[in-house]
């Protein structure tokens, strides 16, 4: 028992002695500590309103970042086709339009040579859509219409070319073919003479072209043909 009593006395003597007057304010200090802790928790945890503002701010920042990554209209139009550029108020590049027109013209010629007239017409129309001043397109387009016996469209195509290039020799040659196929032999002969006057030099075509069969049977043509 003595040993146990000595141990208790030793433990008691090692404890910190709290002044008696401090013991009276301990409950108040505990209350202050609790209030400080609660205030700290409120600062670290955002309120629903704070969460809403932060969410809106983060979202706006992300939107701006995406907007920066998207090409501006001026940048985006550089890689677009020129019809799209025109739709945005920008003038199409005439050099590129001409190049595309020639491409479709050559494609049309390829289909014409293969007898694929629908594809030929499509490509000739595309060529004129890119550049309506490629005069050879009108010639070959009218040739397709003549082969299809679509004389109305052939006439319209040649009439359009006549407003653009009235002195083109091949224009008058195709007009001669159109007139011959539609039994207008007098006009056909006049168109042939006009074509030669303007420099048309493929005499063999005039002598052998099936489209000119009707006009070649006329006395006027036979008399005129003696001159070449």
Protein backbone atom coordinates (compact mmCIF):
# COMPACT_ATOMS: atom_id res chain seq x y z
CA UNK A 1 0.00 0.00 0.00
CA UNK A 2 2.84 2.30 0.74
CA UNK A 3 4.31 1.74 -2.70
CA UNK A 4 0.96 2.55 -4.32
CA UNK A 5 0.58 5.71 -2.23
CA UNK A 6 4.10 6.80 -3.14
CA UNK A 7 3.33 6.33 -6.87
CA UNK A 8 0.17 8.44 -6.62
CA UNK A 9 2.01 11.19 -4.80
CA UNK A 10 4.81 11.09 -7.39
CA UNK A 11 2.29 11.36 -10.30
CA UNK A 12 0.44 14.22 -8.56
CA UNK A 13 3.63 16.13 -8.01
CA UNK A 14 4.52 15.85 -11.73
CA UNK A 15 1.22 17.41 -12.95
CA UNK A 16 1.09 21.07 -13.99
CA UNK A 17 -0.42 23.21 -11.29
CA UNK A 18 -3.26 25.36 -12.75
CA UNK A 19 -3.89 28.54 -10.77
CA UNK A 20 -7.23 28.56 -9.06
CA UNK A 21 -8.38 31.81 -10.76
CA UNK A 22 -7.88 30.27 -14.27
CA UNK A 23 -10.26 27.51 -13.50
CA UNK A 24 -13.10 30.03 -13.40
CA UNK A 25 -12.58 31.17 -17.03
CA UNK A 26 -12.03 27.75 -18.62
CA UNK A 27 -15.69 27.41 -19.74
CA UNK A 28 -15.47 30.85 -21.44
CA UNK A 29 -12.24 29.91 -23.24
CA UNK A 30 -13.85 26.69 -24.46
CA UNK A 31 -16.78 28.66 -25.88
CA UNK A 32 -14.44 31.08 -27.68
CA UNK A 33 -12.47 28.16 -29.16
CA UNK A 34 -15.69 26.57 -30.42
CA UNK A 35 -16.82 29.79 -32.12
CA UNK A 36 -13.45 30.26 -33.82
CA UNK A 37 -13.59 26.68 -35.13
CA UNK A 38 -17.08 27.17 -36.57
CA UNK A 39 -16.06 30.39 -38.34
CA UNK A 40 -13.10 28.61 -39.94
CA UNK A 41 -15.35 25.84 -41.27
CA UNK A 42 -17.71 28.38 -42.84
CA UNK A 43 -14.83 30.08 -44.65
CA UNK A 44 -13.50 26.83 -46.09
CA UNK A 45 -16.94 25.53 -47.22
CA UNK A 46 -18.54 27.68 -49.96
CA UNK A 47 -22.20 28.51 -49.70
CA UNK A 48 -24.61 27.50 -52.48
CA UNK A 49 -24.46 31.07 -53.80
CA UNK A 50 -20.66 30.99 -53.84
CA UNK A 51 -20.76 27.65 -55.65
CA UNK A 52 -23.09 29.13 -58.27
CA UNK A 53 -20.85 32.13 -58.95
CA UNK A 54 -17.74 29.95 -59.17
CA UNK A 55 -19.46 27.54 -61.52
CA UNK A 56 -20.58 30.37 -63.81
CA UNK A 57 -17.08 31.85 -63.81
CA UNK A 58 -15.44 28.52 -64.61
CA UNK A 59 -17.93 27.89 -67.40
CA UNK A 60 -17.35 31.30 -68.97
CA UNK A 61 -13.60 30.80 -68.83
CA UNK A 62 -13.96 27.48 -70.60
CA UNK A 63 -16.17 29.04 -73.28
CA UNK A 64 -13.63 31.77 -73.93
CA UNK A 65 -10.89 29.19 -74.17
CA UNK A 66 -12.89 27.23 -76.76
CA UNK A 67 -13.67 30.41 -78.67
CA UNK A 68 -9.96 31.15 -78.91
CA UNK A 69 -9.39 27.67 -80.33
CA UNK A 70 -12.05 28.11 -83.03
CA UNK A 71 -10.95 29.86 -86.24
CA UNK A 72 -12.24 33.34 -86.79
CA UNK A 73 -14.45 33.84 -89.87
CA UNK A 74 -11.51 35.31 -91.77
CA UNK A 75 -9.26 32.37 -90.91
CA UNK A 76 -11.92 29.78 -91.51
CA UNK A 77 -12.71 31.05 -94.99
CA UNK A 78 -9.14 30.40 -96.18
CA UNK A 79 -9.75 26.69 -96.44
CA UNK A 80 -13.29 26.86 -97.76
CA UNK A 81 -14.52 26.59 -101.24
CA UNK A 82 -15.10 29.85 -102.97
CA UNK A 83 -18.86 29.57 -103.18
CA UNK A 84 -18.78 29.51 -99.35
CA UNK A 85 -16.51 32.55 -99.36
CA UNK A 86 -18.97 34.39 -101.55
CA UNK A 87 -21.78 33.53 -99.17
CA UNK A 88 -19.84 35.24 -96.36
CA UNK A 89 -19.42 38.42 -98.36
CA UNK A 90 -15.95 37.62 -99.69
CA UNK A 91 -15.15 37.85 -103.40
CA UNK A 92 -14.19 34.51 -104.99
CA UNK A 93 -10.62 34.23 -106.25
CA UNK A 94 -10.95 34.57 -110.07
CA UNK A 95 -7.74 32.61 -110.72
CA UNK A 96 -8.94 29.65 -108.68
CA UNK A 97 -12.40 29.91 -110.21
CA UNK A 98 -10.84 29.79 -113.67
CA UNK A 99 -8.77 26.78 -112.70
CA UNK A 100 -11.84 24.94 -111.43
CA UNK A 101 -13.74 25.89 -114.58
CA UNK A 102 -11.02 24.43 -116.79
CA UNK A 103 -10.95 21.28 -114.67
CA UNK A 104 -14.67 20.71 -115.16
CA UNK A 105 -14.37 21.59 -118.85
CA UNK A 106 -11.75 18.86 -119.32
CA UNK A 107 -13.88 16.43 -117.34
CA UNK A 108 -16.82 17.27 -119.57
CA UNK A 109 -14.70 16.60 -122.65
CA UNK A 110 -13.70 13.22 -121.24
CA UNK A 111 -17.33 12.24 -120.67
CA UNK A 112 -18.29 13.60 -124.09
CA UNK A 113 -15.66 11.37 -125.69
CA UNK A 114 -17.09 8.39 -123.80
CA UNK A 115 -20.63 9.16 -124.88
CA UNK A 116 -21.72 9.90 -121.29
CA UNK A 117 -23.68 12.96 -122.22
CA UNK A 118 -25.43 13.54 -118.89
CA UNK A 119 -22.08 13.65 -117.09
CA UNK A 120 -20.64 15.85 -119.81
CA UNK A 121 -23.50 18.35 -119.42
CA UNK A 122 -23.11 18.33 -115.64
CA UNK A 123 -19.41 19.14 -115.85
CA UNK A 124 -19.87 21.81 -118.50
CA UNK A 125 -22.48 23.48 -116.32
CA UNK A 126 -20.12 23.29 -113.35
CA UNK A 127 -17.40 24.86 -115.47
CA UNK A 128 -19.66 27.78 -116.37
CA UNK A 129 -20.69 28.13 -112.75
CA UNK A 130 -17.04 28.67 -111.83
CA UNK A 131 -16.21 30.83 -114.84
CA UNK A 132 -18.89 31.84 -117.37
CA UNK A 133 -16.26 33.31 -119.69
CA UNK A 134 -14.65 30.04 -120.80
CA UNK A 135 -16.13 30.29 -124.29
CA UNK A 136 -15.15 26.80 -125.42
CA UNK A 137 -17.52 25.35 -122.83
CA UNK A 138 -20.51 26.81 -124.66
CA UNK A 139 -19.32 25.24 -127.91
CA UNK A 140 -19.02 21.73 -126.48
CA UNK A 141 -22.17 22.06 -124.39
CA UNK A 142 -24.14 23.01 -127.50
CA UNK A 143 -22.54 20.04 -129.29
CA UNK A 144 -23.91 17.68 -126.63
CA UNK A 145 -27.37 19.19 -126.95
CA UNK A 146 -27.23 18.78 -130.73
CA UNK A 147 -26.28 15.11 -130.31
CA UNK A 148 -29.25 14.68 -127.96
CA UNK A 149 -31.46 16.55 -130.45
CA UNK A 150 -32.28 19.05 -127.70
CA UNK A 151 -32.32 21.90 -130.18
CA UNK A 152 -33.90 24.42 -127.85
CA UNK A 153 -31.10 24.19 -125.30
CA UNK A 154 -28.52 24.11 -128.06
CA UNK A 155 -29.92 27.35 -129.45
CA UNK A 156 -30.04 28.98 -126.01
CA UNK A 157 -26.44 27.99 -125.29
CA UNK A 158 -25.20 29.43 -128.58
CA UNK A 159 -27.26 32.58 -128.09
CA UNK A 160 -25.57 33.13 -124.71
CA UNK A 161 -22.15 32.68 -126.29
CA UNK A 162 -23.10 35.11 -129.04
CA UNK A 163 -23.56 37.85 -126.45
CA UNK A 164 -20.10 37.14 -125.04
CA UNK A 165 -17.95 36.33 -128.08
CA UNK A 166 -19.85 37.13 -131.29
CA UNK A 167 -16.80 36.78 -133.55
CA UNK A 168 -15.77 33.30 -132.39
CA UNK A 169 -15.45 31.11 -135.54
CA UNK A 170 -16.59 27.91 -133.81
CA UNK A 171 -19.74 29.71 -132.62
CA UNK A 172 -20.85 30.21 -136.21
CA UNK A 173 -19.85 26.69 -137.19
CA UNK A 174 -22.09 25.24 -134.46
CA UNK A 175 -24.85 27.64 -135.46
CA UNK A 176 -24.54 26.23 -138.99
CA UNK A 177 -24.95 22.72 -137.57
CA UNK A 178 -27.98 23.79 -135.55
CA UNK A 179 -29.64 25.43 -138.56
CA UNK A 180 -28.92 22.44 -140.79
CA UNK A 181 -30.38 19.98 -138.27
CA UNK A 182 -33.51 22.11 -137.93
CA UNK A 183 -33.95 22.37 -141.71
CA UNK A 184 -32.96 26.05 -141.87
CA UNK A 185 -30.47 25.52 -144.67
CA UNK A 186 -30.22 29.13 -145.84
CA UNK A 187 -29.23 30.27 -142.34
CA UNK A 188 -26.89 27.31 -142.08
CA UNK A 189 -25.03 28.30 -145.24
CA UNK A 190 -24.75 31.90 -144.05
CA UNK A 191 -23.32 30.72 -140.73
CA UNK A 192 -20.77 28.52 -142.50
CA UNK A 193 -19.59 31.40 -144.65
CA UNK A 194 -19.32 33.57 -141.54
CA UNK A 195 -17.28 30.92 -139.76
CA UNK A 196 -14.77 30.77 -142.62
CA UNK A 197 -14.60 34.54 -142.86
CA UNK A 198 -13.69 34.69 -139.16
CA UNK A 199 -10.93 32.12 -139.55
CA UNK A 200 -12.48 28.69 -139.26
CA UNK A 201 -9.96 26.44 -141.04
CA UNK A 202 -11.18 22.87 -140.62
CA UNK A 203 -12.57 22.47 -144.12
CA UNK A 204 -12.75 18.70 -143.82
CA UNK A 205 -15.31 19.08 -141.01
CA UNK A 206 -17.54 21.11 -143.31
CA UNK A 207 -17.34 18.39 -145.97
CA UNK A 208 -18.01 15.41 -143.70
CA UNK A 209 -19.88 16.52 -140.56
CA UNK A 210 -23.19 14.58 -140.39
CA UNK A 211 -24.87 17.59 -138.79
CA UNK A 212 -24.34 19.51 -142.05
CA UNK A 213 -25.85 16.88 -144.32
CA UNK A 214 -28.95 18.92 -145.09
CA UNK A 215 -27.11 22.11 -146.05
CA UNK A 216 -24.57 20.21 -148.20
CA UNK A 217 -27.45 19.02 -150.38
CA UNK A 218 -28.45 22.54 -151.37
CA UNK A 219 -27.40 24.16 -154.66
CA UNK A 220 -26.09 27.16 -152.76
CA UNK A 221 -23.66 25.04 -150.77
CA UNK A 222 -22.46 23.11 -153.83
CA UNK A 223 -21.71 26.33 -155.64
CA UNK A 224 -20.00 27.85 -152.62
CA UNK A 225 -17.93 24.70 -151.91
CA UNK A 226 -16.10 25.21 -155.22
CA UNK A 227 -14.33 28.15 -153.63
CA UNK A 228 -12.44 26.06 -151.11
